[in-house]
Structures are given as structure tokens and as C-alpha cells.
Amino acid sequence: MESDSRLSRRSLLKSVVVVTGAACAGLITRREALAQGKASKEAMKYQDHPNGDKKCSECMQFVAPNSCKVVEGTISPNGYCIAFVKKP
């Protein structure tokens, strides 16, 4: 019986190591994703003119006077991209 309890403890410890390693790997991946920063204008299909009534100055991502939380570079308040989220 004693060998059975040792095997179960050993299995438990192995499981803890595997789960901890997987959790750490997930944190590293998330940290790398956050560190990547903003997307390019091309990736976000940015344009210098509005798309109907959708324009950067009406978007939650827009940072006055000419920046964005999502798209890199200078942004026109009258521009538009696929990350558009209307302000409430």
C-alpha cells in the first residue's frame, strides 16, 4: 500500500509541475502580446476620410488631437479604420 501512496504523490507533484509550467507559458505569451504595441495603419485598413458617419473623432480609441490607442502614427480626426467603436 505504501508504494501506491508514493505513486499518487509522485503523480500529483508531476501534475502540479505541468500545470504551473503551462500557466507560466500563458503569462509569457500574454505579456509578449501586450508588448507588441499598436497595429500598423495597413493592418487596421486606416483611411484619412470617414466611412459614412464613422470617423476617428467619434471613436473610443481616438486620443485627441491626432492619435489612437490602437493604430500607430498620426491619425486624422476625420479618418476611419476597422477598430472603430462609437463613443457612448
PDB file of N, CA and C in Angstrom:
ATOM      1  N   MET A   1       0.793  -1.186   0.000  1.00  0.00           N
ATOM      2  CA  MET A   1       0.000   0.000   0.000  1.00  0.00           C
ATOM      3  C   MET A   1       0.841   1.258   0.000  1.00  0.00           C
ATOM      4  N   GLU A   2       1.957   1.200   0.686  1.00  0.00           N
ATOM      5  CA  GLU A   2       2.791   2.381   0.778  1.00  0.00           C
ATOM      6  C   GLU A   2       3.276   2.815  -0.606  1.00  0.00           C
ATOM      7  N   SER A   3       3.580   1.866  -1.469  1.00  0.00           N
ATOM      8  CA  SER A   3       4.036   2.217  -2.809  1.00  0.00           C
ATOM      9  C   SER A   3       2.929   2.907  -3.602  1.00  0.00           C
ATOM     10  N   ASP A   4       1.660   2.548  -3.358  1.00  0.00           N
ATOM     11  CA  ASP A   4       0.544   3.202  -4.034  1.00  0.00           C
ATOM     12  C   ASP A   4       0.453   4.677  -3.650  1.00  0.00           C
ATOM     13  N   SER A   5       0.644   4.978  -2.362  1.00  0.00           N
ATOM     14  CA  SER A   5       0.563   6.371  -1.930  1.00  0.00           C
ATOM     15  C   SER A   5       1.735   7.172  -2.474  1.00  0.00           C
ATOM     16  N   ARG A   6       2.895   6.542  -2.610  1.00  0.00           N
ATOM     17  CA  ARG A   6       4.052   7.227  -3.193  1.00  0.00           C
ATOM     18  C   ARG A   6       3.797   7.532  -4.664  1.00  0.00           C
ATOM     19  N   LEU A   7       3.219   6.580  -5.350  1.00  0.00           N
ATOM     20  CA  LEU A   7       2.920   6.819  -6.756  1.00  0.00           C
ATOM     21  C   LEU A   7       1.904   7.931  -6.919  1.00  0.00           C
ATOM     22  N   SER A   8       0.923   7.979  -6.064  1.00  0.00           N
ATOM     23  CA  SER A   8      -0.083   9.022  -6.194  1.00  0.00           C
ATOM     24  C   SER A   8       0.518  10.385  -5.839  1.00  0.00           C
ATOM     25  N   ARG A   9       1.406  10.446  -4.847  1.00  0.00           N
ATOM     26  CA  ARG A   9       2.072  11.711  -4.527  1.00  0.00           C
ATOM     27  C   ARG A   9       2.955  12.148  -5.686  1.00  0.00           C
ATOM     28  N   ARG A  10       3.651  11.197  -6.256  1.00  0.00           N
ATOM     29  CA  ARG A  10       4.529  11.497  -7.382  1.00  0.00           C
ATOM     30  C   ARG A  10       3.697  12.007  -8.564  1.00  0.00           C
ATOM     31  N   SER A  11       2.581  11.360  -8.823  1.00  0.00           N
ATOM     32  CA  SER A  11       1.696  11.803  -9.907  1.00  0.00           C
ATOM     33  C   SER A  11       1.164  13.200  -9.641  1.00  0.00           C
ATOM     34  N   LEU A  12       0.801  13.446  -8.388  1.00  0.00           N
ATOM     35  CA  LEU A  12       0.304  14.768  -8.018  1.00  0.00           C
ATOM     36  C   LEU A  12       1.371  15.833  -8.240  1.00  0.00           C
ATOM     37  N   LEU A  13       2.578  15.558  -7.792  1.00  0.00           N
ATOM     38  CA  LEU A  13       3.662  16.523  -7.970  1.00  0.00           C
ATOM     39  C   LEU A  13       3.953  16.777  -9.449  1.00  0.00           C
ATOM     40  N   LYS A  14       3.947  15.723 -10.251  1.00  0.00           N
ATOM     41  CA  LYS A  14       4.152  15.899 -11.686  1.00  0.00           C
ATOM     42  C   LYS A  14       3.057  16.771 -12.283  1.00  0.00           C
ATOM     43  N   SER A  15       1.830  16.536 -11.861  1.00  0.00           N
ATOM     44  CA  SER A  15       0.706  17.329 -12.363  1.00  0.00           C
ATOM     45  C   SER A  15       0.856  18.799 -11.984  1.00  0.00           C
ATOM     46  N   VAL A  16       1.269  19.060 -10.757  1.00  0.00           N
ATOM     47  CA  VAL A  16       1.467  20.437 -10.299  1.00  0.00           C
ATOM     48  C   VAL A  16       2.540  21.125 -11.140  1.00  0.00           C
ATOM     49  N   VAL A  17       3.621  20.418 -11.408  1.00  0.00           N
ATOM     50  CA  VAL A  17       4.701  20.984 -12.214  1.00  0.00           C
ATOM     51  C   VAL A  17       4.214  21.294 -13.625  1.00  0.00           C
ATOM     52  N   VAL A  18       3.470  20.399 -14.217  1.00  0.00           N
ATOM     53  CA  VAL A  18       2.958  20.600 -15.575  1.00  0.00           C
ATOM     54  C   VAL A  18       1.992  21.777 -15.626  1.00  0.00           C
ATOM     55  N   VAL A  19       1.079  21.844 -14.677  1.00  0.00           N
ATOM     56  CA  VAL A  19       0.093  22.927 -14.652  1.00  0.00           C
ATOM     57  C   VAL A  19       0.786  24.272 -14.417  1.00  0.00           C
ATOM     58  N   THR A  20       1.733  24.309 -13.497  1.00  0.00           N
ATOM     59  CA  THR A  20       2.463  25.545 -13.217  1.00  0.00           C
ATOM     60  C   THR A  20       3.244  25.992 -14.449  1.00  0.00           C
ATOM     61  N   GLY A  21       3.876  25.067 -15.117  1.00  0.00           N
ATOM     62  CA  GLY A  21       4.611  25.405 -16.339  1.00  0.00           C
ATOM     63  C   GLY A  21       3.694  25.946 -17.419  1.00  0.00           C
ATOM     64  N   ALA A  22       2.540  25.338 -17.577  1.00  0.00           N
ATOM     65  CA  ALA A  22       1.581  25.806 -18.585  1.00  0.00           C
ATOM     66  C   ALA A  22       1.069  27.201 -18.236  1.00  0.00           C
ATOM     67  N   ALA A  23       0.819  27.447 -16.969  1.00  0.00           N
ATOM     68  CA  ALA A  23       0.347  28.764 -16.545  1.00  0.00           C
ATOM     69  C   ALA A  23       1.409  29.824 -16.801  1.00  0.00           C
ATOM     70  N   CYS A  24       2.642  29.519 -16.503  1.00  0.00           N
ATOM     71  CA  CYS A  24       3.729  30.473 -16.750  1.00  0.00           C
ATOM     72  C   CYS A  24       3.885  30.744 -18.240  1.00  0.00           C
ATOM     73  N   ALA A  25       3.772  29.738 -19.056  1.00  0.00           N
ATOM     74  CA  ALA A  25       3.864  29.914 -20.506  1.00  0.00           C
ATOM     75  C   ALA A  25       2.751  30.823 -20.999  1.00  0.00           C
ATOM     76  N   GLY A  26       1.556  30.676 -20.446  1.00  0.00           N
ATOM     77  CA  GLY A  26       0.437  31.532 -20.823  1.00  0.00           C
ATOM     78  C   GLY A  26       0.680  32.971 -20.450  1.00  0.00           C
ATOM     79  N   LEU A  27       1.270  33.222 -19.287  1.00  0.00           N
ATOM     80  CA  LEU A  27       1.577  34.585 -18.865  1.00  0.00           C
ATOM     81  C   LEU A  27       2.618  35.222 -19.772  1.00  0.00           C
ATOM     82  N   ILE A  28       3.612  34.462 -20.155  1.00  0.00           N
ATOM     83  CA  ILE A  28       4.651  34.992 -21.041  1.00  0.00           C
ATOM     84  C   ILE A  28       4.053  35.347 -22.387  1.00  0.00           C
ATOM     85  N   THR A  29       3.214  34.489 -22.936  1.00  0.00           N
ATOM     86  CA  THR A  29       2.584  34.758 -24.220  1.00  0.00           C
ATOM     87  C   THR A  29       1.736  36.017 -24.155  1.00  0.00           C
ATOM     88  N   ARG A  30       0.955  36.167 -23.089  1.00  0.00           N
ATOM     89  CA  ARG A  30       0.118  37.361 -22.939  1.00  0.00           C
ATOM     90  C   ARG A  30       0.970  38.609 -22.809  1.00  0.00           C
ATOM     91  N   ARG A  31       2.028  38.537 -22.042  1.00  0.00           N
ATOM     92  CA  ARG A  31       2.917  39.684 -21.847  1.00  0.00           C
ATOM     93  C   ARG A  31       3.538  40.094 -23.181  1.00  0.00           C
ATOM     94  N   GLU A  32       3.948  39.120 -23.999  1.00  0.00           N
ATOM     95  CA  GLU A  32       4.517  39.424 -25.313  1.00  0.00           C
ATOM     96  C   GLU A  32       3.480  40.083 -26.211  1.00  0.00           C
ATOM     97  N   ALA A  33       2.247  39.632 -26.148  1.00  0.00           N
ATOM     98  CA  ALA A  33       1.187  40.217 -26.968  1.00  0.00           C
ATOM     99  C   ALA A  33       0.937  41.663 -26.561  1.00  0.00           C
ATOM    100  N   LEU A  34       0.934  41.941 -25.272  1.00  0.00           N
ATOM    101  CA  LEU A  34       0.720  43.305 -24.806  1.00  0.00           C
ATOM    102  C   LEU A  34       1.890  44.211 -25.168  1.00  0.00           C
ATOM    103  N   ALA A  35       3.083  43.652 -25.216  1.00  0.00           N
ATOM    104  CA  ALA A  35       4.268  44.450 -25.508  1.00  0.00           C
ATOM    105  C   ALA A  35       4.383  44.813 -26.984  1.00  0.00           C
ATOM    106  N   GLN A  36       3.620  44.182 -27.838  1.00  0.00           N
ATOM    107  CA  GLN A  36       3.729  44.447 -29.263  1.00  0.00           C
ATOM    108  C   GLN A  36       3.296  45.851 -29.623  1.00  0.00           C
ATOM    109  N   GLY A  37       2.430  46.443 -28.856  1.00  0.00           N
ATOM    110  CA  GLY A  37       2.034  47.820 -29.091  1.00  0.00           C
ATOM    111  C   GLY A  37       0.932  47.953 -30.117  1.00  0.00           C
ATOM    112  N   LYS A  38       0.983  49.063 -30.832  1.00  0.00           N
ATOM    113  CA  LYS A  38      -0.082  49.409 -31.766  1.00  0.00           C
ATOM    114  C   LYS A  38       0.070  48.686 -33.110  1.00  0.00           C
ATOM    115  N   ALA A  39      -1.041  48.599 -33.808  1.00  0.00           N
ATOM    116  CA  ALA A  39      -1.063  47.966 -35.130  1.00  0.00           C
ATOM    117  C   ALA A  39      -0.731  49.005 -36.200  1.00  0.00           C
ATOM    118  N   SER A  40      -0.261  48.545 -37.333  1.00  0.00           N
ATOM    119  CA  SER A  40       0.043  49.450 -38.443  1.00  0.00           C
ATOM    120  C   SER A  40      -1.253  49.957 -39.076  1.00  0.00           C
ATOM    121  N   LYS A  41      -1.138  51.062 -39.772  1.00  0.00           N
ATOM    122  CA  LYS A  41      -2.298  51.626 -40.477  1.00  0.00           C
ATOM    123  C   LYS A  41      -2.803  50.636 -41.524  1.00  0.00           C
ATOM    124  N   GLU A  42      -1.885  49.962 -42.171  1.00  0.00           N
ATOM    125  CA  GLU A  42      -2.264  48.987 -43.197  1.00  0.00           C
ATOM    126  C   GLU A  42      -3.054  47.831 -42.594  1.00  0.00           C
ATOM    127  N   ALA A  43      -2.587  47.309 -41.452  1.00  0.00           N
ATOM    128  CA  ALA A  43      -3.265  46.181 -40.806  1.00  0.00           C
ATOM    129  C   ALA A  43      -4.677  46.560 -40.359  1.00  0.00           C
ATOM    130  N   MET A  44      -4.867  47.818 -39.961  1.00  0.00           N
ATOM    131  CA  MET A  44      -6.174  48.269 -39.485  1.00  0.00           C
ATOM    132  C   MET A  44      -7.004  48.913 -40.597  1.00  0.00           C
ATOM    133  N   LYS A  45      -6.477  48.885 -41.834  1.00  0.00           N
ATOM    134  CA  LYS A  45      -7.173  49.442 -43.000  1.00  0.00           C
ATOM    135  C   LYS A  45      -7.586  50.902 -42.760  1.00  0.00           C
ATOM    136  N   TYR A  46      -6.630  51.639 -42.183  1.00  0.00           N
ATOM    137  CA  TYR A  46      -6.860  53.051 -41.879  1.00  0.00           C
ATOM    138  C   TYR A  46      -6.964  53.854 -43.170  1.00  0.00           C
ATOM    139  N   GLN A  47      -7.878  54.831 -43.164  1.00  0.00           N
ATOM    140  CA  GLN A  47      -8.023  55.773 -44.282  1.00  0.00           C
ATOM    141  C   GLN A  47      -8.182  57.173 -43.701  1.00  0.00           C
ATOM    142  N   ASP A  48      -7.753  58.199 -44.432  1.00  0.00           N
ATOM    143  CA  ASP A  48      -7.791  59.586 -43.957  1.00  0.00           C
ATOM    144  C   ASP A  48      -9.166  60.228 -44.058  1.00  0.00           C
ATOM    145  N   HIS A  49     -10.161  59.512 -44.487  1.00  0.00           N
ATOM    146  CA  HIS A  49     -11.507  60.062 -44.624  1.00  0.00           C
ATOM    147  C   HIS A  49     -12.510  59.154 -43.903  1.00  0.00           C
ATOM    148  N   PRO A  50     -13.664  59.705 -43.515  1.00  0.00           N
ATOM    149  CA  PRO A  50     -14.649  58.916 -42.768  1.00  0.00           C
ATOM    150  C   PRO A  50     -15.295  57.818 -43.613  1.00  0.00           C
ATOM    151  N   ASN A  51     -15.923  56.885 -42.938  1.00  0.00           N
ATOM    152  CA  ASN A  51     -16.698  55.829 -43.586  1.00  0.00           C
ATOM    153  C   ASN A  51     -18.150  56.090 -43.192  1.00  0.00           C
ATOM    154  N   GLY A  52     -18.849  56.858 -43.996  1.00  0.00           N
ATOM    155  CA  GLY A  52     -20.202  57.280 -43.637  1.00  0.00           C
ATOM    156  C   GLY A  52     -20.132  58.217 -42.446  1.00  0.00           C
ATOM    157  N   ASP A  53     -20.835  57.881 -41.377  1.00  0.00           N
ATOM    158  CA  ASP A  53     -20.794  58.709 -40.171  1.00  0.00           C
ATOM    159  C   ASP A  53     -19.740  58.228 -39.178  1.00  0.00           C
ATOM    160  N   LYS A  54     -18.959  57.234 -39.553  1.00  0.00           N
ATOM    161  CA  LYS A  54     -17.903  56.706 -38.690  1.00  0.00           C
ATOM    162  C   LYS A  54     -16.595  57.431 -38.969  1.00  0.00           C
ATOM    163  N   LYS A  55     -16.072  58.110 -37.939  1.00  0.00           N
ATOM    164  CA  LYS A  55     -14.789  58.790 -38.077  1.00  0.00           C
ATOM    165  C   LYS A  55     -14.056  58.745 -36.741  1.00  0.00           C
ATOM    166  N   CYS A  56     -12.760  58.877 -36.797  1.00  0.00           N
ATOM    167  CA  CYS A  56     -11.911  58.710 -35.618  1.00  0.00           C
ATOM    168  C   CYS A  56     -12.333  59.579 -34.439  1.00  0.00           C
ATOM    169  N   SER A  57     -12.709  60.818 -34.681  1.00  0.00           N
ATOM    170  CA  SER A  57     -13.072  61.704 -33.573  1.00  0.00           C
ATOM    171  C   SER A  57     -14.306  61.216 -32.818  1.00  0.00           C
ATOM    172  N   GLU A  58     -15.074  60.302 -33.410  1.00  0.00           N
ATOM    173  CA  GLU A  58     -16.262  59.730 -32.769  1.00  0.00           C
ATOM    174  C   GLU A  58     -15.986  58.330 -32.193  1.00  0.00           C
ATOM    175  N   CYS A  59     -14.718  57.922 -32.203  1.00  0.00           N
ATOM    176  CA  CYS A  59     -14.321  56.578 -31.782  1.00  0.00           C
ATOM    177  C   CYS A  59     -13.750  56.587 -30.365  1.00  0.00           C
ATOM    178  N   MET A  60     -14.012  55.532 -29.617  1.00  0.00           N
ATOM    179  CA  MET A  60     -13.484  55.404 -28.257  1.00  0.00           C
ATOM    180  C   MET A  60     -11.966  55.251 -28.238  1.00  0.00           C
ATOM    181  N   GLN A  61     -11.367  54.813 -29.335  1.00  0.00           N
ATOM    182  CA  GLN A  61      -9.916  54.598 -29.393  1.00  0.00           C
ATOM    183  C   GLN A  61      -9.145  55.886 -29.682  1.00  0.00           C
ATOM    184  N   PHE A  62      -9.824  56.929 -30.138  1.00  0.00           N
ATOM    185  CA  PHE A  62      -9.185  58.178 -30.547  1.00  0.00           C
ATOM    186  C   PHE A  62      -8.639  58.928 -29.338  1.00  0.00           C
ATOM    187  N   VAL A  63      -7.400  59.454 -29.489  1.00  0.00           N
ATOM    188  CA  VAL A  63      -6.758  60.273 -28.459  1.00  0.00           C
ATOM    189  C   VAL A  63      -6.476  61.628 -29.099  1.00  0.00           C
ATOM    190  N   ALA A  64      -7.237  62.651 -28.673  1.00  0.00           N
ATOM    191  CA  ALA A  64      -7.087  63.991 -29.248  1.00  0.00           C
ATOM    192  C   ALA A  64      -5.674  64.514 -29.002  1.00  0.00           C
ATOM    193  N   PRO A  65      -5.083  65.261 -29.888  1.00  0.00           N
ATOM    194  CA  PRO A  65      -5.700  65.792 -31.094  1.00  0.00           C
ATOM    195  C   PRO A  65      -5.549  64.902 -32.333  1.00  0.00           C
ATOM    196  N   ASN A  66      -4.543  63.987 -32.349  1.00  0.00           N
ATOM    197  CA  ASN A  66      -4.334  63.227 -33.585  1.00  0.00           C
ATOM    198  C   ASN A  66      -3.643  61.881 -33.364  1.00  0.00           C
ATOM    199  N   SER A  67      -4.113  61.122 -32.361  1.00  0.00           N
ATOM    200  CA  SER A  67      -3.501  59.841 -32.053  1.00  0.00           C
ATOM    201  C   SER A  67      -4.591  58.796 -31.806  1.00  0.00           C
ATOM    202  N   CYS A  68      -4.168  57.554 -31.636  1.00  0.00           N
ATOM    203  CA  CYS A  68      -5.103  56.448 -31.444  1.00  0.00           C
ATOM    204  C   CYS A  68      -4.488  55.436 -30.486  1.00  0.00           C
ATOM    205  N   LYS A  69      -5.327  54.770 -29.708  1.00  0.00           N
ATOM    206  CA  LYS A  69      -4.868  53.729 -28.786  1.00  0.00           C
ATOM    207  C   LYS A  69      -4.493  52.454 -29.520  1.00  0.00           C
ATOM    208  N   VAL A  70      -4.990  52.288 -30.747  1.00  0.00           N
ATOM    209  CA  VAL A  70      -4.823  51.029 -31.481  1.00  0.00           C
ATOM    210  C   VAL A  70      -3.891  51.161 -32.683  1.00  0.00           C
ATOM    211  N   VAL A  71      -4.011  52.261 -33.425  1.00  0.00           N
ATOM    212  CA  VAL A  71      -3.274  52.450 -34.677  1.00  0.00           C
ATOM    213  C   VAL A  71      -2.052  53.323 -34.430  1.00  0.00           C
ATOM    214  N   GLU A  72      -0.926  52.923 -34.969  1.00  0.00           N
ATOM    215  CA  GLU A  72       0.303  53.692 -34.795  1.00  0.00           C
ATOM    216  C   GLU A  72       0.344  54.909 -35.717  1.00  0.00           C
ATOM    217  N   GLY A  73       1.098  55.906 -35.314  1.00  0.00           N
ATOM    218  CA  GLY A  73       1.306  57.088 -36.145  1.00  0.00           C
ATOM    219  C   GLY A  73       0.267  58.170 -35.916  1.00  0.00           C
ATOM    220  N   THR A  74       0.356  59.203 -36.761  1.00  0.00           N
ATOM    221  CA  THR A  74      -0.564  60.330 -36.691  1.00  0.00           C
ATOM    222  C   THR A  74      -1.894  59.956 -37.335  1.00  0.00           C
ATOM    223  N   ILE A  75      -2.975  60.296 -36.669  1.00  0.00           N
ATOM    224  CA  ILE A  75      -4.327  59.937 -37.103  1.00  0.00           C
ATOM    225  C   ILE A  75      -5.137  61.209 -37.349  1.00  0.00           C
ATOM    226  N   SER A  76      -5.864  61.236 -38.429  1.00  0.00           N
ATOM    227  CA  SER A  76      -6.764  62.357 -38.706  1.00  0.00           C
ATOM    228  C   SER A  76      -8.051  62.178 -37.908  1.00  0.00           C
ATOM    229  N   PRO A  77      -8.560  63.248 -37.279  1.00  0.00           N
ATOM    230  CA  PRO A  77      -9.841  63.141 -36.590  1.00  0.00           C
ATOM    231  C   PRO A  77     -10.978  62.720 -37.521  1.00  0.00           C
ATOM    232  N   ASN A  78     -10.801  62.954 -38.826  1.00  0.00           N
ATOM    233  CA  ASN A  78     -11.810  62.581 -39.810  1.00  0.00           C
ATOM    234  C   ASN A  78     -11.506  61.240 -40.468  1.00  0.00           C
ATOM    235  N   GLY A  79     -10.491  60.524 -39.990  1.00  0.00           N
ATOM    236  CA  GLY A  79     -10.130  59.231 -40.558  1.00  0.00           C
ATOM    237  C   GLY A  79     -11.050  58.121 -40.080  1.00  0.00           C
ATOM    238  N   TYR A  80     -10.718  56.891 -40.482  1.00  0.00           N
ATOM    239  CA  TYR A  80     -11.516  55.715 -40.120  1.00  0.00           C
ATOM    240  C   TYR A  80     -10.644  54.468 -40.224  1.00  0.00           C
ATOM    241  N   CYS A  81     -10.912  53.461 -39.379  1.00  0.00           N
ATOM    242  CA  CYS A  81     -10.278  52.151 -39.509  1.00  0.00           C
ATOM    243  C   CYS A  81     -11.228  51.084 -38.981  1.00  0.00           C
ATOM    244  N   ILE A  82     -10.841  49.824 -39.133  1.00  0.00           N
ATOM    245  CA  ILE A  82     -11.715  48.723 -38.738  1.00  0.00           C
ATOM    246  C   ILE A  82     -11.823  48.544 -37.229  1.00  0.00           C
ATOM    247  N   ALA A  83     -11.037  49.277 -36.443  1.00  0.00           N
ATOM    248  CA  ALA A  83     -11.125  49.200 -34.990  1.00  0.00           C
ATOM    249  C   ALA A  83     -12.138  50.190 -34.425  1.00  0.00           C
ATOM    250  N   PHE A  84     -12.909  50.827 -35.286  1.00  0.00           N
ATOM    251  CA  PHE A  84     -13.859  51.848 -34.866  1.00  0.00           C
ATOM    252  C   PHE A  84     -14.867  51.302 -33.848  1.00  0.00           C
ATOM    253  N   VAL A  85     -15.001  52.038 -32.729  1.00  0.00           N
ATOM    254  CA  VAL A  85     -16.002  51.726 -31.704  1.00  0.00           C
ATOM    255  C   VAL A  85     -16.622  53.063 -31.308  1.00  0.00           C
ATOM    256  N   LYS A  86     -17.894  53.236 -31.638  1.00  0.00           N
ATOM    257  CA  LYS A  86     -18.562  54.524 -31.392  1.00  0.00           C
ATOM    258  C   LYS A  86     -18.571  54.863 -29.907  1.00  0.00           C
ATOM    259  N   LYS A  87     -18.278  56.133 -29.612  1.00  0.00           N
ATOM    260  CA  LYS A  87     -18.345  56.628 -28.238  1.00  0.00           C
ATOM    261  C   LYS A  87     -19.790  56.592 -27.768  1.00  0.00           C
ATOM    262  N   PRO A  88     -19.997  56.293 -26.488  1.00  0.00           N
ATOM    263  CA  PRO A  88     -21.375  56.262 -25.982  1.00  0.00           C
ATOM    264  C   PRO A  88     -22.008  57.652 -25.915  1.00  0.00           C
TER     265      PRO A  88
END
